[in-house]
Amino acid sequence: MIRINEIRSDHKLNNEELLKKASGILRIRTLMIHDLKILKESVDARRKGEILYIYSVSVKAENEDLILKKVKDKRVSLYEKKTYSIARLPHIPLNAPRPVVVGFGPAGMFAALYLSCAGFKPIVIERGDPVDIRTEKVREFWEKGVLDPESNVQFGEGGAGTFSDGKLTTGIKDRENRTGFVLETFVRFGADERILIENKPHIGSDVLKNIVKNIRRDILEHGGEVRFNSRFDGFETDRDGVLSAVCINKEELLPCNKLILSIGHSSRETFSYLHDRHMKMEGKGFAVGVRVQHLQEMIDEAMYGARHDRYLRAADYKLTFRAGDGRGVYSFCMCPGGYVVNSSSEKDSLCINGMSYSGRDGKNANSAIVVTVEPKDFISMGYGDRGVLSGMEFQRELEKRAFMECMGKIPCQRLEDFKAGRLSGFFGDIRPECKGDFSFGNIRNILPDFISSDIISAFHDFSHKIKGFDHPDTLLSGVESRTSSPVRILRNEYFLSSVPGIFPAGEGAGYAGGIMSAAIDGLKCAEALVKTCGDLR
């Protein structure tokens, strides 16, 4: 097949129009093209009012070798589709303990899917509820403030990503095409096929819930097992220090010598336990800040121009800034037409996140505006006595302050008042679009001064890139504290931790940042587990 990149148009092209464009580039008649498929579709909105649609396509044509020799166009190349497949192992010892996967977020889900398709019968243990029950508990929390520490926005079937925008972007270099496999898996289990070609694919929280149930059913059909309300409380080793069993709910010992530990970035009790068991870990940097809300129509106009194509989805943005103190400030997890959500998982603490549904048709756009922090910062702020867990304690302190600021409600503040360090007395043009109760609060009371100062400086810079970004009525909420895991569980080239038999995976282990990268890391760990079915040391 032949690949053609950078087919540009000032309007959205249908298949017939793409066929004509492709035949013109290849200098052949359209009848010589037997098949055309869109590989990627993106939008270039850098010039406001001059929106360009950009396509990459593959074509099957007559005399492809001759065409490739004759056409001297950098956009044209040979195309060979990469495939990623799971080979079913012919021989698996019947008396061997079944592999265990801890956590049923993206990393654990795709690890379990891989293992079940390969012929293993993994046991998944998930501390939270199945997604339908979990959804009801989350709804009750948002409406009544009743928090279940075991099953909430962070914990339960689907992981934290289930209550998010469902973004499927990643910057991972992927020669094996695990990325394609993950996207195709989502489509197979219920996602729109457009995620295969969109430059910035997303699913939406409403659709994700059904997809994770369908993946679970497939794992079960292949002989796997998923145990909900089953909390990982520890492990045991043999005389040689090799994993021998997993403790569940402090009462059941499950024989196990192969464990994929995909616990998520909010599993703080587990981080503490692993640290106490002397598993090799290190503290890592992350970012904290606020979540900002603008009117989506303002973002659309700023990004696309006053008059834009009806085919265009709600606009998103990505912003970066280097503050005077050298810290990075950037937008994170931008949710067009979305909601700010109370994503707390501990009592008397509050943290927030963003989410949107598949239609992205909410009134407001929101994203996190966060400032980078490093382990040295935690030490200077008095958390050094916790060692590698100092970042986790820093997160906890911010979340406790956020809870106290409005007694459990999401603190909201106009940008003008945030700059002045005063409580807001009214909402202007932008009213909160939140999941969970909210109230006026002074976010300056929550964040360290250096973070607030860097955010203020960033807003001034961002306003030059997006007109109106620093409007006085721009709405801030706090606190955005869980952008990534505060620790990294060290692993070797075989993906094994310092405890033989345990494979740390995904965001909680410090090796991913989002649905796609976590799912891909889960696949990698499952591959490594299969390769080391013999001696795990």
Protein backbone atom coordinates (compact mmCIF):
# COMPACT_ATOMS: atom_id res chain seq x y z
CA MET A 1 0.00 0.00 0.00
CA ILE A 2 0.93 3.65 -0.35
CA ARG A 3 0.70 6.31 2.33
CA ILE A 4 0.00 9.96 1.52
CA ASN A 5 0.48 12.58 4.24
CA GLU A 6 -0.45 16.25 4.46
CA ILE A 7 -3.51 16.32 2.22
CA ARG A 8 -4.83 19.79 3.06
CA SER A 9 -8.21 21.36 2.52
CA ASP A 10 -10.13 24.40 3.69
CA HIS A 11 -13.17 22.20 4.30
CA LYS A 12 -13.91 18.70 5.53
CA LEU A 13 -13.39 16.20 2.72
CA ASN A 14 -15.58 13.24 1.91
CA ASN A 15 -14.20 9.99 0.45
CA GLU A 16 -14.81 11.01 -3.15
CA GLU A 17 -12.94 14.29 -2.66
CA LEU A 18 -10.07 12.49 -0.91
CA LEU A 19 -9.90 10.01 -3.78
CA LYS A 20 -9.51 12.86 -6.28
CA LYS A 21 -6.83 14.51 -4.13
CA ALA A 22 -4.93 11.23 -3.78
CA SER A 23 -5.06 10.43 -7.50
CA GLY A 24 -3.80 13.92 -8.29
CA ILE A 25 -0.83 13.57 -5.93
CA LEU A 26 -0.01 10.11 -7.34
CA ARG A 27 -0.62 11.29 -10.92
CA ILE A 28 -2.92 8.40 -11.73
CA ARG A 29 -6.58 8.01 -12.65
CA THR A 30 -9.02 7.52 -9.78
CA LEU A 31 -10.02 4.16 -11.30
CA MET A 32 -6.52 2.86 -10.55
CA ILE A 33 -7.14 3.29 -6.80
CA HIS A 34 -8.97 0.24 -5.45
CA ASP A 35 -9.18 1.25 -1.80
CA LEU A 36 -8.60 4.37 0.30
CA LYS A 37 -8.63 4.63 4.07
CA ILE A 38 -8.16 7.63 6.31
CA LEU A 39 -5.27 7.03 8.70
CA LYS A 40 -5.32 10.37 10.49
CA GLU A 41 -7.45 13.50 10.44
CA SER A 42 -6.46 16.72 12.21
CA VAL A 43 -7.25 20.42 12.20
CA ASP A 44 -4.76 23.27 11.80
CA ALA A 45 -6.26 26.36 13.46
CA ARG A 46 -3.07 28.38 13.88
CA ARG A 47 -4.37 31.05 11.53
CA LYS A 48 -7.68 32.23 12.93
CA GLY A 49 -10.41 32.16 10.34
CA GLU A 50 -8.29 29.99 8.00
CA ILE A 51 -9.05 26.54 9.32
CA LEU A 52 -7.34 23.69 7.47
CA TYR A 53 -8.26 20.02 7.58
CA ILE A 54 -5.23 17.76 7.22
CA TYR A 55 -5.44 14.10 6.23
CA SER A 56 -3.14 11.12 6.00
CA VAL A 57 -4.49 8.25 3.93
CA SER A 58 -3.48 4.80 2.72
CA VAL A 59 -4.36 3.62 -0.78
CA LYS A 60 -4.24 0.36 -2.68
CA ALA A 61 -3.46 1.00 -6.33
CA GLU A 62 -2.36 -0.71 -9.51
CA ASN A 63 1.41 -0.84 -10.10
CA GLU A 64 2.33 0.58 -6.70
CA ASP A 65 6.07 -0.04 -7.15
CA LEU A 66 6.07 1.93 -10.39
CA ILE A 67 4.06 4.77 -8.80
CA LEU A 68 6.51 5.04 -5.89
CA LYS A 69 9.44 5.23 -8.34
CA LYS A 70 7.85 7.93 -10.46
CA VAL A 71 6.30 10.18 -7.81
CA LYS A 72 8.87 12.51 -6.24
CA ASP A 73 6.75 13.89 -3.42
CA LYS A 74 7.83 13.84 0.21
CA ARG A 75 4.23 13.25 1.22
CA VAL A 76 4.19 9.86 -0.52
CA SER A 77 5.77 6.69 0.90
CA LEU A 78 5.40 2.93 1.15
CA TYR A 79 2.88 1.96 3.84
CA GLU A 80 3.04 -1.24 5.83
CA LYS A 81 0.49 -1.48 8.59
CA LYS A 82 1.96 -2.57 11.89
CA THR A 83 0.02 -5.17 13.83
CA TYR A 84 0.15 -6.05 17.50
CA SER A 85 -1.22 -9.41 18.48
CA ILE A 86 -1.35 -11.61 21.55
CA ALA A 87 -0.03 -15.11 21.02
CA ARG A 88 -1.80 -17.83 23.00
CA LEU A 89 0.73 -19.98 24.84
CA PRO A 90 0.34 -23.68 24.04
CA HIS A 91 1.56 -25.02 27.39
CA ILE A 92 0.78 -23.47 30.77
CA PRO A 93 1.53 -25.59 33.89
CA LEU A 94 -1.78 -26.67 35.39
CA ASN A 95 -0.48 -26.55 38.97
CA ALA A 96 1.06 -23.07 38.71
CA PRO A 97 -0.61 -20.29 40.76
CA ARG A 98 -2.71 -18.00 38.61
CA PRO A 99 -1.20 -14.55 37.98
CA VAL A 100 -2.81 -11.77 40.01
CA VAL A 101 -3.49 -8.22 38.82
CA VAL A 102 -4.04 -5.57 41.48
CA GLY A 103 -6.25 -2.72 40.30
CA PHE A 104 -8.69 -2.57 37.39
CA GLY A 105 -7.81 0.80 35.90
CA PRO A 106 -6.34 1.07 32.37
CA ALA A 107 -3.01 -0.61 33.27
CA GLY A 108 -4.57 -3.49 35.18
CA MET A 109 -7.38 -3.90 32.68
CA PHE A 110 -5.10 -4.24 29.66
CA ALA A 111 -2.66 -6.44 31.58
CA ALA A 112 -5.50 -8.77 32.52
CA LEU A 113 -6.87 -8.70 28.96
CA TYR A 114 -3.45 -9.66 27.58
CA LEU A 115 -2.97 -12.48 30.11
CA SER A 116 -6.44 -13.91 29.56
CA CYS A 117 -6.04 -13.86 25.77
CA ALA A 118 -2.60 -15.50 26.10
CA GLY A 119 -4.16 -18.49 27.86
CA PHE A 120 -3.58 -17.56 31.48
CA LYS A 121 -6.55 -17.16 33.80
CA PRO A 122 -5.63 -14.06 35.78
CA ILE A 123 -7.29 -13.06 39.01
CA VAL A 124 -7.98 -9.34 39.21
CA ILE A 125 -8.51 -7.82 42.65
CA GLU A 126 -10.07 -4.36 42.75
CA ARG A 127 -10.78 -2.52 46.00
CA GLY A 128 -13.76 -0.64 44.55
CA ASP A 129 -17.10 -1.57 43.05
CA PRO A 130 -18.23 -2.59 39.58
CA VAL A 131 -18.68 0.51 37.47
CA ASP A 132 -22.49 0.72 37.75
CA ILE A 133 -22.49 0.57 41.55
CA ARG A 134 -19.46 2.84 41.63
CA THR A 135 -21.25 5.40 39.45
CA GLU A 136 -24.17 5.51 41.89
CA LYS A 137 -21.81 6.02 44.83
CA VAL A 138 -20.01 8.81 43.00
CA ARG A 139 -23.34 10.45 42.17
CA GLU A 140 -24.36 10.24 45.84
CA PHE A 141 -21.04 11.78 46.85
CA TRP A 142 -21.46 14.67 44.41
CA GLU A 143 -25.05 15.29 45.49
CA LYS A 144 -24.92 14.57 49.24
CA GLY A 145 -21.23 14.54 50.15
CA VAL A 146 -21.29 10.88 51.24
CA LEU A 147 -17.82 9.50 50.47
CA ASP A 148 -16.93 5.82 50.26
CA PRO A 149 -13.11 5.71 50.68
CA GLU A 150 -12.98 2.35 48.89
CA SER A 151 -15.14 3.19 45.87
CA ASN A 152 -15.12 6.72 44.46
CA VAL A 153 -13.78 8.85 41.60
CA GLN A 154 -10.31 7.38 42.14
CA PHE A 155 -11.06 3.74 43.00
CA GLY A 156 -13.26 1.15 41.32
CA GLU A 157 -13.76 -0.52 37.96
CA GLY A 158 -12.11 1.52 35.21
CA GLY A 159 -9.84 3.49 37.55
CA ALA A 160 -9.67 7.27 37.79
CA GLY A 161 -9.90 7.58 34.00
CA THR A 162 -13.54 6.49 34.03
CA PHE A 163 -14.53 9.85 35.50
CA SER A 164 -12.45 11.98 33.15
CA ASP A 165 -12.50 13.31 29.64
CA GLY A 166 -11.38 9.95 28.32
CA LYS A 167 -8.51 11.47 26.34
CA LEU A 168 -6.56 8.89 24.33
CA THR A 169 -3.48 10.89 23.39
CA THR A 170 0.07 9.91 24.20
CA GLY A 171 3.55 10.95 23.12
CA ILE A 172 4.98 7.44 23.48
CA LYS A 173 7.18 6.21 20.65
CA ASP A 174 5.58 2.92 19.78
CA ARG A 175 7.24 0.66 17.21
CA GLU A 176 5.18 -2.36 18.28
CA ASN A 177 1.87 -0.51 17.68
CA ARG A 178 0.53 -1.11 21.18
CA THR A 179 -1.15 2.27 20.74
CA GLY A 180 -3.11 0.98 17.76
CA PHE A 181 -4.05 -2.17 19.67
CA VAL A 182 -5.41 -0.15 22.60
CA LEU A 183 -7.47 2.09 20.34
CA GLU A 184 -8.78 -0.86 18.34
CA THR A 185 -9.67 -2.62 21.59
CA PHE A 186 -11.69 0.38 22.72
CA VAL A 187 -13.53 0.36 19.38
CA ARG A 188 -14.14 -3.39 19.61
CA PHE A 189 -15.78 -2.88 22.97
CA GLY A 190 -17.93 0.11 22.15
CA ALA A 191 -16.00 3.28 21.25
CA ASP A 192 -16.68 5.29 18.11
CA GLU A 193 -14.43 4.25 15.19
CA ARG A 194 -13.38 7.86 14.74
CA ILE A 195 -10.90 7.50 17.60
CA LEU A 196 -8.77 5.48 15.15
CA ILE A 197 -8.23 8.50 12.91
CA GLU A 198 -8.66 11.58 15.10
CA ASN A 199 -5.48 13.43 15.99
CA LYS A 200 -6.76 14.00 19.54
CA PRO A 201 -9.13 11.10 20.18
CA HIS A 202 -11.33 11.01 23.24
CA ILE A 203 -14.18 8.80 24.43
CA GLY A 204 -15.99 10.61 27.24
CA SER A 205 -16.94 9.43 30.70
CA ASP A 206 -20.43 8.34 29.63
CA VAL A 207 -19.13 5.92 26.97
CA LEU A 208 -16.14 4.68 28.98
CA LYS A 209 -18.42 3.07 31.57
CA ASN A 210 -19.88 0.65 29.06
CA ILE A 211 -16.51 -0.09 27.49
CA VAL A 212 -14.89 -1.17 30.77
CA LYS A 213 -17.82 -3.53 31.46
CA ASN A 214 -17.40 -5.10 28.02
CA ILE A 215 -13.66 -5.60 28.55
CA ARG A 216 -14.38 -7.22 31.90
CA ARG A 217 -16.84 -9.64 30.26
CA ASP A 218 -14.20 -10.61 27.69
CA ILE A 219 -11.68 -11.36 30.42
CA LEU A 220 -14.24 -13.55 32.16
CA GLU A 221 -15.08 -15.38 28.93
CA HIS A 222 -11.39 -16.22 28.55
CA GLY A 223 -11.31 -17.78 32.02
CA GLY A 224 -10.14 -14.78 34.02
CA GLU A 225 -11.69 -13.65 37.29
CA VAL A 226 -12.45 -10.14 38.57
CA ARG A 227 -13.02 -9.72 42.30
CA PHE A 228 -14.48 -6.40 43.40
CA ASN A 229 -14.39 -5.03 46.95
CA SER A 230 -11.09 -6.89 47.28
CA ARG A 231 -8.38 -4.69 48.67
CA PHE A 232 -4.69 -5.51 48.32
CA ASP A 233 -3.35 -5.37 51.86
CA GLY A 234 0.08 -6.92 51.48
CA PHE A 235 2.18 -9.80 50.22
CA GLU A 236 4.30 -12.64 51.53
CA THR A 237 7.57 -14.01 50.24
CA ASP A 238 9.40 -17.33 50.54
CA ARG A 239 12.82 -17.86 52.12
CA ASP A 240 14.52 -16.51 49.01
CA GLY A 241 12.49 -13.29 49.08
CA VAL A 242 10.36 -14.31 46.09
CA LEU A 243 6.65 -13.47 46.08
CA SER A 244 4.55 -16.37 47.35
CA ALA A 245 1.13 -14.95 48.32
CA VAL A 246 -1.08 -11.87 48.28
CA CYS A 247 -3.16 -10.70 51.24
CA ILE A 248 -6.72 -9.57 50.45
CA ASN A 249 -8.93 -7.61 52.86
CA LYS A 250 -6.57 -8.52 55.73
CA GLU A 251 -8.05 -12.00 55.92
CA GLU A 252 -7.41 -14.02 52.76
CA LEU A 253 -4.02 -15.28 51.59
CA LEU A 254 -4.03 -15.99 47.88
CA PRO A 255 -1.09 -18.08 46.59
CA CYS A 256 0.70 -16.05 43.95
CA ASN A 257 4.17 -15.82 42.43
CA LYS A 258 3.33 -13.41 39.59
CA LEU A 259 1.72 -10.11 40.46
CA ILE A 260 1.07 -7.04 38.31
CA LEU A 261 0.76 -4.12 40.71
CA SER A 262 -1.32 -1.45 38.96
CA ILE A 263 -2.60 0.45 41.97
CA GLY A 264 -3.21 3.98 40.61
CA HIS A 265 -1.70 7.30 41.68
CA SER A 266 -4.00 7.72 44.71
CA SER A 267 -3.21 4.44 46.53
CA ARG A 268 -1.49 6.15 49.41
CA GLU A 269 -1.93 3.38 51.99
CA THR A 270 -0.32 0.98 49.53
CA PHE A 271 2.61 3.35 48.93
CA SER A 272 3.17 3.49 52.70
CA TYR A 273 2.95 -0.29 53.01
CA LEU A 274 5.42 -0.91 50.20
CA HIS A 275 7.80 1.63 51.72
CA ASP A 276 7.56 -0.12 55.10
CA ARG A 277 8.32 -3.45 53.37
CA HIS A 278 11.47 -1.84 51.94
CA MET A 279 10.43 -2.16 48.31
CA LYS A 280 12.76 0.09 46.35
CA MET A 281 11.02 3.36 45.51
CA GLU A 282 11.91 6.96 44.87
CA GLY A 283 10.11 10.26 45.23
CA LYS A 284 9.31 12.06 42.01
CA GLY A 285 8.15 15.45 40.90
CA PHE A 286 4.63 16.27 39.80
CA ALA A 287 2.55 19.44 39.51
CA VAL A 288 -0.12 21.16 41.57
CA GLY A 289 -2.38 24.15 41.06
CA VAL A 290 -5.91 25.07 40.14
CA ARG A 291 -8.57 24.22 37.61
CA VAL A 292 -9.73 27.11 35.45
CA GLN A 293 -13.11 27.58 33.75
CA HIS A 294 -13.93 29.76 30.73
CA LEU A 295 -16.97 29.91 28.51
CA GLN A 296 -16.46 27.29 25.80
CA GLU A 297 -17.74 29.70 23.13
CA MET A 298 -14.95 32.12 24.10
CA ILE A 299 -12.32 29.37 23.70
CA ASP A 300 -13.86 28.34 20.36
CA GLU A 301 -13.72 31.88 19.05
CA ALA A 302 -10.17 32.42 20.33
CA MET A 303 -8.90 29.18 18.77
CA TYR A 304 -10.95 29.02 15.55
CA GLY A 305 -11.98 32.60 14.83
CA ALA A 306 -15.36 34.30 15.06
CA ARG A 307 -16.82 32.18 12.23
CA HIS A 308 -15.85 28.55 12.23
CA ASP A 309 -16.89 25.33 10.57
CA ARG A 310 -19.85 23.56 12.13
CA TYR A 311 -17.96 20.28 11.83
CA LEU A 312 -15.33 21.40 14.30
CA ARG A 313 -15.59 20.03 17.81
CA ALA A 314 -15.35 22.17 20.90
CA ALA A 315 -11.87 23.69 20.85
CA ASP A 316 -9.12 22.66 23.21
CA TYR A 317 -5.75 24.21 24.00
CA LYS A 318 -2.32 23.40 25.37
CA LEU A 319 -0.34 26.13 27.10
CA THR A 320 3.12 26.28 28.66
CA PHE A 321 5.06 28.97 30.49
CA ARG A 322 8.42 29.27 32.24
CA ALA A 323 8.05 31.31 35.43
CA GLY A 324 10.70 33.69 36.74
CA ASP A 325 11.79 31.16 39.36
CA GLY A 326 12.45 28.60 36.64
CA ARG A 327 9.40 26.45 37.30
CA GLY A 328 7.21 25.17 34.52
CA VAL A 329 3.55 26.20 34.47
CA TYR A 330 1.26 24.44 32.03
CA SER A 331 -2.30 23.46 31.20
CA PHE A 332 -3.16 19.86 31.96
CA CYS A 333 -6.10 17.58 31.19
CA MET A 334 -8.03 20.18 29.19
CA CYS A 335 -11.74 19.29 29.04
CA PRO A 336 -13.75 21.10 26.34
CA GLY A 337 -17.41 21.47 27.25
CA GLY A 338 -16.73 19.75 30.55
CA TYR A 339 -17.13 19.90 34.30
CA VAL A 340 -14.91 20.40 37.33
CA VAL A 341 -15.42 17.38 39.59
CA ASN A 342 -14.80 16.69 43.25
CA SER A 343 -12.47 13.69 43.00
CA SER A 344 -11.66 13.17 46.67
CA SER A 345 -10.84 9.71 48.00
CA GLU A 346 -9.97 10.46 51.64
CA LYS A 347 -12.24 11.84 54.34
CA ASP A 348 -11.82 15.50 55.32
CA SER A 349 -9.75 16.11 52.18
CA LEU A 350 -10.63 17.63 48.83
CA CYS A 351 -9.04 17.45 45.39
CA ILE A 352 -10.53 18.17 41.99
CA ASN A 353 -10.24 16.99 38.41
CA GLY A 354 -11.94 17.64 35.09
CA MET A 355 -14.28 15.47 33.04
CA SER A 356 -16.53 15.72 30.00
CA TYR A 357 -19.01 13.53 28.24
CA SER A 358 -18.58 12.22 24.70
CA GLY A 359 -20.48 15.17 23.20
CA ARG A 360 -18.29 17.75 24.95
CA ASP A 361 -21.34 19.99 24.90
CA GLY A 362 -21.16 21.60 28.34
CA LYS A 363 -21.23 25.38 28.69
CA ASN A 364 -17.71 25.76 30.08
CA ALA A 365 -14.24 24.69 29.07
CA ASN A 366 -11.91 23.73 31.90
CA SER A 367 -8.33 22.67 32.40
CA ALA A 368 -5.80 22.44 35.18
CA ILE A 369 -3.19 25.19 35.38
CA VAL A 370 -0.41 23.62 37.39
CA VAL A 371 3.11 24.38 38.59
CA THR A 372 5.90 21.81 38.75
CA VAL A 373 7.23 20.78 42.15
CA GLU A 374 10.21 18.55 42.93
CA PRO A 375 11.31 16.40 45.89
CA LYS A 376 13.64 19.18 47.07
CA ASP A 377 10.58 21.42 47.45
CA PHE A 378 8.90 18.97 49.80
CA ILE A 379 11.97 18.91 52.00
CA SER A 380 12.18 22.71 52.13
CA MET A 381 8.49 22.85 53.09
CA GLY A 382 8.99 20.53 56.05
CA TYR A 383 8.00 17.12 54.69
CA GLY A 384 11.52 15.71 54.45
CA ASP A 385 11.08 13.33 57.38
CA ARG A 386 8.81 11.16 55.21
CA GLY A 387 11.60 10.48 52.71
CA VAL A 388 10.29 9.16 49.40
CA LEU A 389 6.73 9.73 50.65
CA SER A 390 7.27 13.46 51.23
CA GLY A 391 5.45 14.39 48.01
CA MET A 392 2.46 12.30 49.07
CA GLU A 393 2.30 14.15 52.39
CA PHE A 394 2.56 17.48 50.58
CA GLN A 395 -0.47 16.48 48.47
CA ARG A 396 -2.38 15.52 51.60
CA GLU A 397 -1.67 18.84 53.29
CA LEU A 398 -2.98 20.81 50.29
CA GLU A 399 -6.10 18.66 50.12
CA LYS A 400 -6.82 19.15 53.82
CA ARG A 401 -6.49 22.90 53.39
CA ALA A 402 -8.85 22.77 50.41
CA PHE A 403 -11.42 20.84 52.43
CA MET A 404 -11.25 23.27 55.35
CA GLU A 405 -11.51 26.34 53.10
CA CYS A 406 -15.16 25.62 52.24
CA MET A 407 -15.89 22.71 54.60
CA GLY A 408 -15.82 20.08 51.89
CA LYS A 409 -17.28 22.13 49.04
CA ILE A 410 -15.19 22.98 45.97
CA PRO A 411 -13.58 26.40 46.55
CA CYS A 412 -14.26 28.80 43.66
CA GLN A 413 -12.73 32.23 43.06
CA ARG A 414 -12.72 34.79 40.26
CA LEU A 415 -9.27 35.42 38.79
CA GLU A 416 -9.40 39.10 39.74
CA ASP A 417 -9.97 38.14 43.38
CA PHE A 418 -7.34 35.37 43.29
CA LYS A 419 -4.77 37.96 42.21
CA ALA A 420 -5.83 40.26 45.06
CA GLY A 421 -5.97 37.45 47.60
CA ARG A 422 -9.58 38.16 48.58
CA LEU A 423 -12.78 36.14 48.73
CA SER A 424 -15.10 36.53 45.74
CA GLY A 425 -18.53 37.99 46.42
CA PHE A 426 -20.20 37.14 43.12
CA PHE A 427 -19.86 35.17 39.91
CA GLY A 428 -19.50 37.18 36.73
CA ASP A 429 -20.03 35.95 33.18
CA ILE A 430 -18.70 32.50 34.06
CA ARG A 431 -20.67 30.39 36.51
CA PRO A 432 -19.31 27.09 37.86
CA GLU A 433 -20.05 23.89 35.98
CA CYS A 434 -19.21 21.39 38.73
CA LYS A 435 -19.94 17.86 39.82
CA GLY A 436 -20.14 18.33 43.56
CA ASP A 437 -21.20 21.28 45.68
CA PHE A 438 -19.15 24.48 45.49
CA SER A 439 -18.76 27.74 47.36
CA PHE A 440 -16.66 30.89 47.37
CA GLY A 441 -13.22 30.30 48.84
CA ASN A 442 -9.81 31.95 48.84
CA ILE A 443 -7.52 29.54 47.00
CA ARG A 444 -4.52 31.61 48.09
CA ASN A 445 -5.09 30.06 51.54
CA ILE A 446 -4.57 26.61 50.04
CA LEU A 447 -1.53 26.96 47.80
CA PRO A 448 2.00 27.94 48.79
CA ASP A 449 2.81 31.52 47.81
CA PHE A 450 5.31 30.56 45.12
CA ILE A 451 2.72 28.44 43.30
CA SER A 452 0.11 31.22 43.42
CA SER A 453 2.64 33.76 42.13
CA ASP A 454 3.69 31.51 39.24
CA ILE A 455 0.05 30.88 38.28
CA ILE A 456 -0.65 34.64 38.21
CA SER A 457 2.39 35.21 35.99
CA ALA A 458 1.28 32.40 33.69
CA PHE A 459 -2.19 33.87 33.21
CA HIS A 460 -0.65 37.09 31.98
CA ASP A 461 1.42 35.15 29.44
CA PHE A 462 -1.44 32.88 28.39
CA SER A 463 -3.64 35.88 27.63
CA HIS A 464 -1.28 36.77 24.76
CA LYS A 465 -1.91 33.34 23.26
CA ILE A 466 -5.65 33.08 23.95
CA LYS A 467 -7.49 36.38 24.02
CA GLY A 468 -9.60 36.69 27.17
CA PHE A 469 -7.82 33.94 29.08
CA ASP A 470 -7.11 36.36 31.94
CA HIS A 471 -10.55 37.99 32.01
CA PRO A 472 -11.39 39.11 35.60
CA ASP A 473 -14.40 36.73 35.70
CA THR A 474 -12.29 33.70 34.77
CA LEU A 475 -13.12 31.11 37.40
CA LEU A 476 -10.55 29.21 39.44
CA SER A 477 -11.15 26.16 41.65
CA GLY A 478 -8.83 24.23 43.90
CA VAL A 479 -7.00 22.14 44.51
CA GLU A 480 -5.60 20.17 41.53
CA SER A 481 -3.06 17.99 43.32
CA ARG A 482 -3.02 14.56 41.65
CA THR A 483 -1.58 15.19 38.22
CA SER A 484 0.64 12.11 38.59
CA SER A 485 2.00 9.72 41.17
CA PRO A 486 4.26 11.23 43.85
CA VAL A 487 6.46 8.10 43.82
CA ARG A 488 8.07 5.70 41.38
CA ILE A 489 8.35 2.02 42.26
CA LEU A 490 11.68 1.00 40.79
CA ARG A 491 11.82 -1.88 38.34
CA ASN A 492 14.55 -3.50 36.25
CA GLU A 493 14.81 -4.18 32.53
CA TYR A 494 12.47 -7.15 32.99
CA PHE A 495 9.83 -4.86 34.57
CA LEU A 496 10.36 -6.53 37.95
CA SER A 497 10.47 -4.64 41.24
CA SER A 498 13.01 -5.30 43.99
CA VAL A 499 10.66 -8.08 45.14
CA PRO A 500 10.93 -10.89 42.55
CA GLY A 501 7.52 -11.71 41.14
CA ILE A 502 6.04 -8.21 41.43
CA PHE A 503 5.67 -6.11 38.27
CA PRO A 504 4.80 -2.45 39.07
CA ALA A 505 2.64 -0.98 36.30
CA GLY A 506 0.90 2.18 35.21
CA GLU A 507 0.37 5.59 36.75
CA GLY A 508 0.58 4.54 40.39
CA ALA A 509 3.95 2.92 39.80
CA GLY A 510 5.20 6.15 38.23
CA TYR A 511 5.47 4.94 34.62
CA ALA A 512 2.44 6.49 32.94
CA GLY A 513 0.35 9.63 32.77
CA GLY A 514 -3.10 9.05 31.32
CA ILE A 515 -5.33 6.30 29.96
CA MET A 516 -3.24 5.43 26.90
CA SER A 517 0.20 5.36 28.51
CA ALA A 518 -1.16 3.39 31.47
CA ALA A 519 -2.83 0.82 29.20
CA ILE A 520 0.37 0.47 27.16
CA ASP A 521 2.45 0.01 30.32
CA GLY A 522 0.02 -2.66 31.48
CA LEU A 523 0.57 -4.51 28.20
CA LYS A 524 4.34 -4.26 28.60
CA CYS A 525 4.22 -5.70 32.10
CA ALA A 526 1.96 -8.54 30.98
CA GLU A 527 4.37 -9.32 28.14
CA ALA A 528 7.26 -9.35 30.63
CA LEU A 529 5.36 -11.62 33.00
CA VAL A 530 4.70 -14.15 30.25
CA LYS A 531 8.38 -14.13 29.24
CA THR A 532 9.43 -14.88 32.82
CA CYS A 533 7.06 -17.75 33.51
CA GLY A 534 10.01 -19.85 34.58
CA ASP A 535 12.54 -18.33 36.95
CA LEU A 536 11.31 -14.89 38.05
CA ARG A 537 14.59 -13.82 39.63
